[in-house]
Amino acid sequence: MTRQDIEVIVAMYKENVSYSEIAKVVGKSEHIVKHWVRNNRKEYGLDRRRNLAEKLNNPLSSSAWADSKWDIQRGVQWIIRRWK
């Protein structure tokens, strides 16, 4: 990773740009960008974007619903109907 790539990744990550968009700009794979961010969080002050503790304690938290590609609300309603 070049110094310029690192500067771009840090700046874009702090602006909440998606990993895929960052990867396109720096010409790396999304996996490499994610891996680099995870390994360098502390050094560059890259905070987690989601509250992991919230998701572990409440799997139906608002952030979990927002992050999901599934229609969770419809799934929960279906499960409740099936189990009543």
N, C-alpha and C. Protein backbone atom coordinates (compact mmCIF):
# COMPACT_ATOMS: atom_id res chain seq x y z
N MET A 1 0.85 -1.16 0.00
CA MET A 1 0.00 0.00 0.00
C MET A 1 0.91 1.24 0.00
N THR A 2 0.68 2.12 -0.94
CA THR A 2 1.50 3.33 -1.00
C THR A 2 1.00 4.35 0.01
N ARG A 3 1.83 5.33 0.30
CA ARG A 3 1.46 6.39 1.24
C ARG A 3 0.20 7.12 0.75
N GLN A 4 0.14 7.34 -0.56
CA GLN A 4 -1.02 8.02 -1.14
C GLN A 4 -2.30 7.17 -0.97
N ASP A 5 -2.18 5.84 -1.20
CA ASP A 5 -3.33 4.94 -1.00
C ASP A 5 -3.82 5.03 0.44
N ILE A 6 -2.88 5.02 1.38
CA ILE A 6 -3.23 5.07 2.80
C ILE A 6 -3.96 6.37 3.12
N GLU A 7 -3.47 7.47 2.62
CA GLU A 7 -4.11 8.77 2.87
C GLU A 7 -5.54 8.79 2.32
N VAL A 8 -5.71 8.23 1.13
CA VAL A 8 -7.04 8.18 0.51
C VAL A 8 -7.97 7.28 1.32
N ILE A 9 -7.49 6.12 1.70
CA ILE A 9 -8.32 5.18 2.48
C ILE A 9 -8.75 5.82 3.79
N VAL A 10 -7.82 6.41 4.51
CA VAL A 10 -8.13 7.02 5.81
C VAL A 10 -9.16 8.15 5.63
N ALA A 11 -8.92 9.03 4.68
CA ALA A 11 -9.83 10.16 4.46
C ALA A 11 -11.23 9.69 4.07
N MET A 12 -11.30 8.75 3.12
CA MET A 12 -12.61 8.28 2.67
C MET A 12 -13.33 7.49 3.75
N TYR A 13 -12.59 6.68 4.49
CA TYR A 13 -13.20 5.90 5.57
C TYR A 13 -13.82 6.82 6.61
N LYS A 14 -13.09 7.88 6.96
CA LYS A 14 -13.60 8.83 7.96
C LYS A 14 -14.80 9.61 7.45
N GLU A 15 -14.99 9.65 6.14
CA GLU A 15 -16.17 10.30 5.54
C GLU A 15 -17.30 9.30 5.33
N ASN A 16 -17.16 8.09 5.87
CA ASN A 16 -18.16 7.02 5.78
C ASN A 16 -18.43 6.54 4.36
N VAL A 17 -17.41 6.57 3.52
CA VAL A 17 -17.52 6.03 2.16
C VAL A 17 -17.44 4.51 2.27
N SER A 18 -18.19 3.80 1.45
CA SER A 18 -18.21 2.33 1.52
C SER A 18 -16.86 1.74 1.12
N TYR A 19 -16.61 0.52 1.62
CA TYR A 19 -15.37 -0.18 1.27
C TYR A 19 -15.24 -0.36 -0.24
N SER A 20 -16.34 -0.69 -0.89
CA SER A 20 -16.28 -0.93 -2.34
C SER A 20 -15.90 0.34 -3.10
N GLU A 21 -16.42 1.49 -2.68
CA GLU A 21 -16.07 2.75 -3.33
C GLU A 21 -14.60 3.10 -3.08
N ILE A 22 -14.14 2.89 -1.84
CA ILE A 22 -12.73 3.14 -1.52
C ILE A 22 -11.84 2.26 -2.38
N ALA A 23 -12.21 0.99 -2.50
CA ALA A 23 -11.42 0.03 -3.27
C ALA A 23 -11.31 0.45 -4.74
N LYS A 24 -12.40 0.96 -5.31
CA LYS A 24 -12.38 1.42 -6.70
C LYS A 24 -11.40 2.57 -6.88
N VAL A 25 -11.40 3.50 -5.92
CA VAL A 25 -10.55 4.69 -6.04
C VAL A 25 -9.07 4.32 -5.93
N VAL A 26 -8.73 3.43 -4.98
CA VAL A 26 -7.31 3.09 -4.78
C VAL A 26 -6.84 1.94 -5.68
N GLY A 27 -7.77 1.31 -6.39
CA GLY A 27 -7.39 0.24 -7.31
C GLY A 27 -7.01 -1.06 -6.61
N LYS A 28 -7.64 -1.32 -5.48
CA LYS A 28 -7.41 -2.56 -4.72
C LYS A 28 -8.75 -3.28 -4.58
N SER A 29 -8.71 -4.52 -4.12
CA SER A 29 -9.96 -5.23 -3.90
C SER A 29 -10.59 -4.76 -2.59
N GLU A 30 -11.89 -4.94 -2.51
CA GLU A 30 -12.62 -4.57 -1.29
C GLU A 30 -12.07 -5.33 -0.09
N HIS A 31 -11.74 -6.60 -0.29
CA HIS A 31 -11.19 -7.42 0.79
C HIS A 31 -9.88 -6.82 1.33
N ILE A 32 -9.01 -6.38 0.45
CA ILE A 32 -7.73 -5.81 0.87
C ILE A 32 -7.96 -4.53 1.67
N VAL A 33 -8.89 -3.70 1.22
CA VAL A 33 -9.18 -2.45 1.94
C VAL A 33 -9.74 -2.76 3.33
N LYS A 34 -10.70 -3.68 3.41
CA LYS A 34 -11.26 -4.04 4.72
C LYS A 34 -10.17 -4.57 5.65
N HIS A 35 -9.36 -5.44 5.13
CA HIS A 35 -8.29 -6.04 5.92
C HIS A 35 -7.32 -4.97 6.42
N TRP A 36 -6.96 -4.05 5.54
CA TRP A 36 -6.03 -2.99 5.92
C TRP A 36 -6.64 -2.12 7.02
N VAL A 37 -7.92 -1.76 6.87
CA VAL A 37 -8.59 -0.93 7.88
C VAL A 37 -8.60 -1.65 9.22
N ARG A 38 -8.98 -2.92 9.23
CA ARG A 38 -9.02 -3.68 10.49
C ARG A 38 -7.65 -3.72 11.17
N ASN A 39 -6.61 -3.90 10.39
CA ASN A 39 -5.27 -4.01 10.96
C ASN A 39 -4.67 -2.67 11.37
N ASN A 40 -5.23 -1.57 10.90
CA ASN A 40 -4.64 -0.26 11.16
C ASN A 40 -5.58 0.72 11.86
N ARG A 41 -6.65 0.21 12.45
CA ARG A 41 -7.62 1.07 13.14
C ARG A 41 -6.96 1.96 14.18
N LYS A 42 -6.20 1.34 15.05
CA LYS A 42 -5.61 2.07 16.17
C LYS A 42 -4.62 3.13 15.70
N GLU A 43 -3.74 2.77 14.79
CA GLU A 43 -2.69 3.67 14.33
C GLU A 43 -3.24 4.92 13.63
N TYR A 44 -4.34 4.77 12.88
CA TYR A 44 -4.89 5.88 12.12
C TYR A 44 -6.18 6.44 12.70
N GLY A 45 -6.59 5.95 13.86
CA GLY A 45 -7.80 6.46 14.51
C GLY A 45 -9.07 6.17 13.74
N LEU A 46 -9.17 4.97 13.20
CA LEU A 46 -10.33 4.58 12.41
C LEU A 46 -11.33 3.84 13.31
N ASP A 47 -12.37 4.55 13.72
CA ASP A 47 -13.38 3.97 14.59
C ASP A 47 -14.24 2.98 13.83
N ARG A 48 -14.81 2.04 14.58
CA ARG A 48 -15.75 1.11 13.97
C ARG A 48 -16.97 1.89 13.51
N ARG A 49 -17.54 1.47 12.42
CA ARG A 49 -18.71 2.17 11.88
C ARG A 49 -19.99 1.74 12.54
N ARG A 50 -20.03 0.57 13.09
CA ARG A 50 -21.24 0.12 13.76
C ARG A 50 -20.91 -0.32 15.16
N ASN A 51 -21.88 -0.28 15.99
CA ASN A 51 -21.70 -0.63 17.38
C ASN A 51 -21.88 -2.14 17.53
N LEU A 52 -20.78 -2.86 17.58
CA LEU A 52 -20.82 -4.32 17.64
C LEU A 52 -21.49 -4.80 18.91
N ALA A 53 -21.24 -4.14 20.03
CA ALA A 53 -21.85 -4.54 21.30
C ALA A 53 -23.36 -4.45 21.21
N GLU A 54 -23.87 -3.43 20.56
CA GLU A 54 -25.31 -3.27 20.41
C GLU A 54 -25.88 -4.44 19.62
N LYS A 55 -25.20 -4.85 18.57
CA LYS A 55 -25.69 -5.95 17.74
C LYS A 55 -25.65 -7.28 18.48
N LEU A 56 -24.63 -7.48 19.32
CA LEU A 56 -24.53 -8.73 20.05
C LEU A 56 -25.60 -8.82 21.14
N ASN A 57 -25.90 -7.71 21.76
CA ASN A 57 -26.89 -7.71 22.84
C ASN A 57 -28.32 -7.64 22.33
N ASN A 58 -28.51 -7.10 21.17
CA ASN A 58 -29.84 -6.95 20.61
C ASN A 58 -29.78 -7.20 19.11
N PRO A 59 -29.96 -8.43 18.68
CA PRO A 59 -29.82 -8.74 17.26
C PRO A 59 -30.83 -8.02 16.37
N LEU A 60 -31.89 -7.47 16.95
CA LEU A 60 -32.87 -6.75 16.16
C LEU A 60 -32.75 -5.25 16.38
N SER A 61 -31.54 -4.79 16.69
CA SER A 61 -31.30 -3.36 16.91
C SER A 61 -31.51 -2.59 15.61
N SER A 62 -31.69 -1.29 15.73
CA SER A 62 -31.95 -0.48 14.55
C SER A 62 -30.78 -0.51 13.57
N SER A 63 -29.53 -0.56 14.09
CA SER A 63 -28.39 -0.60 13.17
C SER A 63 -28.32 -1.93 12.45
N ALA A 64 -28.70 -3.01 13.11
CA ALA A 64 -28.72 -4.32 12.46
C ALA A 64 -29.76 -4.32 11.33
N TRP A 65 -30.92 -3.72 11.58
CA TRP A 65 -31.96 -3.64 10.57
C TRP A 65 -31.49 -2.81 9.39
N ALA A 66 -30.81 -1.70 9.67
CA ALA A 66 -30.35 -0.80 8.60
C ALA A 66 -29.27 -1.44 7.75
N ASP A 67 -28.40 -2.27 8.38
CA ASP A 67 -27.29 -2.89 7.66
C ASP A 67 -27.72 -4.10 6.83
N SER A 68 -28.86 -4.67 7.14
CA SER A 68 -29.26 -5.91 6.50
C SER A 68 -29.77 -5.69 5.08
N LYS A 69 -29.46 -6.64 4.21
CA LYS A 69 -29.98 -6.60 2.85
C LYS A 69 -31.33 -7.31 2.77
N TRP A 70 -31.70 -8.00 3.84
CA TRP A 70 -32.96 -8.72 3.91
C TRP A 70 -34.03 -7.78 4.43
N ASP A 71 -35.28 -8.12 4.16
CA ASP A 71 -36.40 -7.39 4.74
C ASP A 71 -36.66 -8.04 6.10
N ILE A 72 -35.93 -7.58 7.09
CA ILE A 72 -35.99 -8.20 8.42
C ILE A 72 -37.37 -8.05 9.03
N GLN A 73 -37.96 -6.90 8.87
CA GLN A 73 -39.27 -6.66 9.48
C GLN A 73 -40.29 -7.68 8.97
N ARG A 74 -40.28 -7.93 7.67
CA ARG A 74 -41.21 -8.91 7.11
C ARG A 74 -40.88 -10.31 7.63
N GLY A 75 -39.60 -10.64 7.75
CA GLY A 75 -39.20 -11.95 8.27
C GLY A 75 -39.64 -12.15 9.71
N VAL A 76 -39.47 -11.13 10.54
CA VAL A 76 -39.88 -11.22 11.94
C VAL A 76 -41.39 -11.40 12.03
N GLN A 77 -42.13 -10.64 11.24
CA GLN A 77 -43.59 -10.78 11.24
C GLN A 77 -44.01 -12.20 10.82
N TRP A 78 -43.34 -12.75 9.83
CA TRP A 78 -43.66 -14.10 9.37
C TRP A 78 -43.38 -15.11 10.47
N ILE A 79 -42.24 -14.98 11.13
CA ILE A 79 -41.88 -15.92 12.22
C ILE A 79 -42.89 -15.83 13.35
N ILE A 80 -43.26 -14.63 13.74
CA ILE A 80 -44.22 -14.45 14.83
C ILE A 80 -45.54 -15.10 14.48
N ARG A 81 -46.01 -14.90 13.25
CA ARG A 81 -47.28 -15.51 12.82
C ARG A 81 -47.20 -17.03 12.85
N ARG A 82 -46.05 -17.58 12.40
CA ARG A 82 -45.90 -19.02 12.34
C ARG A 82 -45.85 -19.66 13.72
N TRP A 83 -45.31 -18.94 14.70
CA TRP A 83 -45.10 -19.53 16.03
C TRP A 83 -46.20 -19.20 17.04
N LYS A 84 -47.20 -18.46 16.64
CA LYS A 84 -48.30 -18.15 17.57
C LYS A 84 -49.27 -19.28 17.66
